[in-house]
Protein backbone atom coordinates (compact mmCIF):
# COMPACT_ATOMS: atom_id res chain seq x y z
CA MET A 1 0.00 0.00 0.00
CA ALA A 2 1.06 3.62 -0.38
CA THR A 3 2.70 5.27 2.64
CA TRP A 4 3.87 8.80 3.44
CA LYS A 5 7.40 8.05 2.13
CA THR A 6 6.34 6.41 -1.15
CA LEU A 7 7.91 8.45 -3.95
CA ILE A 8 7.53 5.92 -6.77
CA LEU A 9 4.96 3.33 -7.87
CA GLN A 10 3.79 0.74 -5.37
CA ASP A 11 5.31 -2.73 -5.52
CA SER A 12 3.53 -4.81 -8.13
CA ALA A 13 1.42 -7.80 -7.12
CA SER A 14 0.27 -8.90 -10.58
CA PRO A 15 1.84 -9.57 -14.00
CA SER A 16 -0.15 -6.71 -15.56
CA MET A 17 1.23 -4.20 -13.03
CA GLU A 18 4.76 -5.46 -13.75
CA GLN A 19 4.24 -4.74 -17.45
CA LEU A 20 2.84 -1.29 -16.64
CA MET A 21 5.93 -0.52 -14.55
CA PHE A 22 8.24 -1.71 -17.37
CA PHE A 23 6.43 0.58 -19.81
CA HIS A 24 6.62 3.46 -17.33
CA ASP A 25 10.41 3.03 -17.02
CA HIS A 26 10.80 2.67 -20.81
CA THR A 27 8.87 5.89 -21.50
CA LEU A 28 10.60 7.77 -18.69
CA MET A 29 14.01 6.85 -20.12
CA ILE A 30 13.01 8.25 -23.53
CA LEU A 31 11.65 11.44 -21.94
CA THR A 32 14.86 11.87 -19.93
CA ILE A 33 16.98 11.62 -23.08
CA ILE A 34 14.77 14.17 -24.87
CA THR A 35 14.89 16.56 -21.89
CA ILE A 36 18.69 16.41 -21.69
CA LEU A 37 19.07 16.90 -25.45
CA VAL A 38 16.70 19.88 -25.61
CA SER A 39 18.26 21.46 -22.52
CA GLN A 40 21.72 21.18 -24.06
CA LEU A 41 20.52 22.76 -27.31
CA LEU A 42 18.82 25.64 -25.48
CA THR A 43 21.92 26.25 -23.38
CA THR A 44 24.03 26.35 -26.53
CA LEU A 45 21.67 28.83 -28.20
CA PHE A 46 21.70 31.15 -25.19
CA PHE A 47 25.46 31.33 -24.78
CA ASN A 48 26.89 31.21 -28.33
CA LYS A 49 27.39 34.35 -30.44
CA PHE A 50 27.34 32.75 -33.87
CA GLN A 51 25.15 34.34 -36.54
CA HIS A 52 24.27 33.39 -40.11
CA ARG A 53 22.81 36.47 -41.77
CA ASN A 54 22.17 34.72 -45.09
CA LEU A 55 20.50 31.58 -43.72
CA LEU A 56 16.94 31.31 -45.10
CA GLU A 57 16.19 27.57 -44.81
CA GLY A 58 17.81 24.28 -43.91
CA GLN A 59 16.29 21.23 -45.58
CA THR A 60 18.64 18.79 -43.88
CA ILE A 61 17.93 19.89 -40.32
CA GLU A 62 14.18 20.04 -41.03
CA ILE A 63 14.23 16.45 -42.28
CA ILE A 64 16.18 15.36 -39.20
CA TRP A 65 13.87 17.04 -36.69
CA THR A 66 10.84 15.52 -38.47
CA ILE A 67 12.19 11.95 -38.64
CA LEU A 68 13.60 11.77 -35.10
CA PRO A 69 10.29 12.61 -33.30
CA ALA A 70 8.48 10.13 -35.57
CA LEU A 71 10.95 7.37 -34.61
CA THR A 72 10.60 8.32 -30.94
CA LEU A 73 6.81 8.00 -31.12
CA ILE A 74 7.18 4.57 -32.75
CA PHE A 75 9.44 3.41 -29.88
CA ILE A 76 6.70 4.49 -27.45
CA ALA A 77 3.66 3.35 -29.46
CA VAL A 78 4.74 -0.26 -30.13
CA PRO A 79 5.16 -1.25 -26.43
CA SER A 80 2.00 0.73 -25.61
CA LEU A 81 -0.12 -1.22 -28.11
CA ARG A 82 1.35 -4.49 -26.86
CA LEU A 83 0.45 -3.54 -23.30
CA ILE A 84 -3.13 -2.65 -24.29
CA TYR A 85 -3.64 -6.13 -25.77
CA ILE A 86 -2.14 -7.77 -22.68
CA LEU A 87 -4.46 -5.87 -20.33
CA ASP A 88 -7.57 -6.51 -22.43
CA GLU A 89 -7.01 -10.24 -22.78
CA ILE A 90 -9.48 -12.36 -20.80
CA ASN A 91 -8.72 -16.05 -21.23
CA ASN A 92 -10.72 -18.70 -19.34
CA PRO A 93 -11.11 -16.97 -15.94
CA SER A 94 -11.06 -19.22 -12.89
CA LEU A 95 -13.39 -16.96 -10.96
CA SER A 96 -15.89 -14.22 -11.80
CA ILE A 97 -16.96 -11.58 -9.28
CA LYS A 98 -19.56 -8.86 -9.75
CA THR A 99 -18.84 -5.53 -8.05
CA ILE A 100 -21.53 -2.87 -7.58
CA GLY A 101 -20.66 0.65 -6.48
CA HIS A 102 -23.14 2.44 -4.23
CA GLN A 103 -23.18 5.78 -2.42
CA TRP A 104 -20.96 5.06 -0.55
CA TYR A 105 -19.96 1.41 -0.25
CA TRP A 106 -19.25 -1.61 -2.46
CA SER A 107 -21.30 -4.76 -2.95
CA TYR A 108 -19.74 -8.03 -4.12
CA GLU A 109 -21.35 -11.11 -5.63
CA TYR A 110 -19.44 -14.35 -6.24
CA SER A 111 -21.42 -15.30 -9.34
CA ASP A 112 -19.93 -18.81 -9.61
CA PHE A 113 -21.34 -19.83 -6.23
CA LYS A 114 -24.73 -19.63 -4.58
CA ASN A 115 -25.61 -17.23 -1.78
CA ILE A 116 -22.19 -15.56 -1.54
CA GLU A 117 -22.76 -11.84 -1.64
CA PHE A 118 -22.02 -9.09 0.86
CA ASP A 119 -21.60 -5.35 1.30
CA SER A 120 -18.24 -3.79 2.13
CA TYR A 121 -18.27 -0.65 4.30
CA MET A 122 -15.36 1.36 5.61
CA LEU A 123 -14.61 0.64 9.28
CA PRO A 124 -15.68 3.54 11.53
CA MET A 125 -13.13 4.86 14.01
CA ASN A 126 -14.86 3.37 17.06
CA GLU A 127 -14.67 -0.17 15.60
CA MET A 128 -11.04 -0.13 14.48
CA LYS A 129 -8.36 -2.34 16.04
CA GLN A 130 -4.69 -1.54 16.55
CA PHE A 131 -3.74 -3.26 13.28
CA ASN A 132 -6.37 -1.51 11.12
CA PHE A 133 -5.57 1.36 8.77
CA ARG A 134 -7.61 4.54 9.13
CA LEU A 135 -9.90 5.28 6.13
CA LEU A 136 -8.65 2.15 4.33
CA ASP A 137 -9.94 -0.93 6.15
CA VAL A 138 -13.38 -2.44 5.60
CA ASP A 139 -15.67 -4.78 7.50
CA ASN A 140 -15.84 -7.38 4.68
CA ARG A 141 -12.77 -7.95 2.52
CA VAL A 142 -12.80 -9.40 -0.99
CA ILE A 143 -11.26 -12.87 -0.66
CA LEU A 144 -9.40 -14.04 -3.80
CA PRO A 145 -7.00 -16.90 -4.59
CA TYR A 146 -3.57 -16.00 -5.86
CA GLU A 147 -2.12 -17.38 -9.12
CA SER A 148 -5.65 -17.60 -10.54
CA GLN A 149 -7.24 -15.66 -13.38
CA ILE A 150 -9.89 -13.37 -11.92
CA ARG A 151 -12.59 -11.65 -13.96
CA MET A 152 -14.13 -8.62 -12.27
CA LEU A 153 -17.49 -7.35 -13.53
CA VAL A 154 -18.07 -3.78 -12.38
CA THR A 155 -21.20 -1.63 -12.43
CA ALA A 156 -22.83 1.05 -10.27
CA ALA A 157 -26.25 1.66 -8.77
CA GLU A 158 -26.66 5.45 -8.91
CA VAL A 159 -23.60 7.42 -10.10
CA ILE A 160 -20.26 6.59 -11.73
CA HIS A 161 -17.67 4.96 -9.44
CA SER A 162 -14.22 3.59 -10.19
CA TRP A 163 -12.91 0.32 -8.73
CA THR A 164 -9.15 0.76 -8.33
CA ILE A 165 -6.32 -1.32 -6.85
CA PRO A 166 -2.98 0.36 -7.71
CA THR A 167 -0.82 -2.62 -6.68
CA LEU A 168 -2.63 -4.85 -9.17
CA GLY A 169 -2.69 -2.27 -11.95
CA VAL A 170 -6.50 -2.35 -11.96
CA LYS A 171 -8.73 0.68 -12.54
CA ILE A 172 -12.17 0.27 -14.08
CA ASP A 173 -15.23 2.51 -14.04
CA GLY A 174 -18.54 1.36 -12.65
CA THR A 175 -21.26 2.97 -14.76
CA PRO A 176 -24.99 2.71 -13.96
CA GLY A 177 -26.77 0.49 -16.50
CA ARG A 178 -23.52 -0.84 -17.94
CA LEU A 179 -21.37 -3.86 -17.04
CA ASN A 180 -17.62 -3.38 -17.51
CA GLN A 181 -15.11 -6.17 -17.08
CA ILE A 182 -11.42 -6.52 -16.37
CA SER A 183 -9.12 -9.48 -15.84
CA PHE A 184 -6.15 -9.79 -13.49
CA SER A 185 -4.08 -12.35 -11.63
CA ILE A 186 -2.47 -11.93 -8.20
CA ASN A 187 1.00 -13.46 -7.86
CA ARG A 188 1.40 -13.42 -4.06
CA ALA A 189 -0.54 -13.53 -0.83
CA GLY A 190 -1.30 -10.36 1.09
CA LEU A 191 -3.65 -7.45 1.66
CA PHE A 192 -4.08 -4.96 -1.18
CA TYR A 193 -5.79 -1.62 -0.69
CA GLY A 194 -7.58 0.68 -3.08
CA GLN A 195 -10.21 3.40 -3.18
CA CYS A 196 -12.91 4.75 -5.46
CA SER A 197 -11.14 6.89 -8.07
CA GLU A 198 -14.14 8.71 -9.52
CA ILE A 199 -15.65 11.62 -7.61
CA CYS A 200 -19.07 10.24 -6.70
CA GLY A 201 -20.45 12.54 -4.03
CA ALA A 202 -19.98 13.78 -0.49
CA ASN A 203 -18.51 10.54 0.91
CA HIS A 204 -16.37 9.68 -2.11
CA SER A 205 -13.27 9.43 0.10
CA PHE A 206 -14.90 6.92 2.44
CA MET A 207 -15.50 3.83 0.28
CA PRO A 208 -12.19 1.92 0.30
CA ILE A 209 -11.46 -1.47 -1.27
CA VAL A 210 -9.52 -4.27 0.42
CA ILE A 211 -8.50 -7.51 -1.32
CA GLU A 212 -7.20 -10.41 0.75
CA SER A 213 -5.18 -12.80 -1.39
CA ILE A 214 -4.93 -16.35 -0.05
CA SER A 215 -3.93 -19.75 -1.41
CA PRO A 216 -6.45 -21.65 -3.59
CA ASN A 217 -6.80 -24.34 -0.91
CA TYR A 218 -7.75 -21.82 1.77
CA PHE A 219 -10.03 -20.10 -0.71
CA ILE A 220 -11.96 -23.34 -1.28
CA LYS A 221 -12.34 -23.74 2.50
CA TRP A 222 -13.62 -20.15 2.73
CA ILE A 223 -16.13 -20.82 -0.05
CA LEU A 224 -17.40 -23.95 1.72
CA LYS A 225 -17.76 -21.99 4.94
CA MET A 226 -19.65 -19.17 3.26
CA THR A 227 -22.04 -21.48 1.42
CA GLN A 228 -22.97 -23.15 4.71
CA ILE A 229 -23.92 -19.85 6.38
């Protein structure tokens, strides 16, 4: 999760977030090279005293500064398109979960199983324990198995919400009357925190998301326990 000293991206917990971080570093490297080059050229222009009174045009330099930006955009566009296809691919999900955004809480339905649905509210201050995080913990966490393909179906009841888990590289809008879907896989156990990322009203800041990633064997035991309730 993000802390007060986090200056860079959160540690990835999914293959898609790893690819997003690789693309971020790739693009940042290109931008750094461009910034250094342009800064050097500007510095040279400010401090040199050379003049060319008869210079009207320069075909060579115009060709160069047209081709180089085009090549730079290609080096950015190709990995970007590849990443888009990776993120959009949904191939035989092991588990499908429906998420509904409300003002101001989340509802979850495990569509593959009967009678497993619950609401997830932020924990109020008077119910928090020593190990809970203020404004981030909820009363009912989303339990998911790691190393499994998860398909999340997201919608909303009244206004637009956005279901976001930065560590997993997941951000998808919940729109009333529309069902959006996204696929992801968690590669380790742990607790992963997120929040609604679309301004949805007065209590927009108070509808956090918590995913608890556990092993498939423990997940099956949790499912059996929930179906017996």
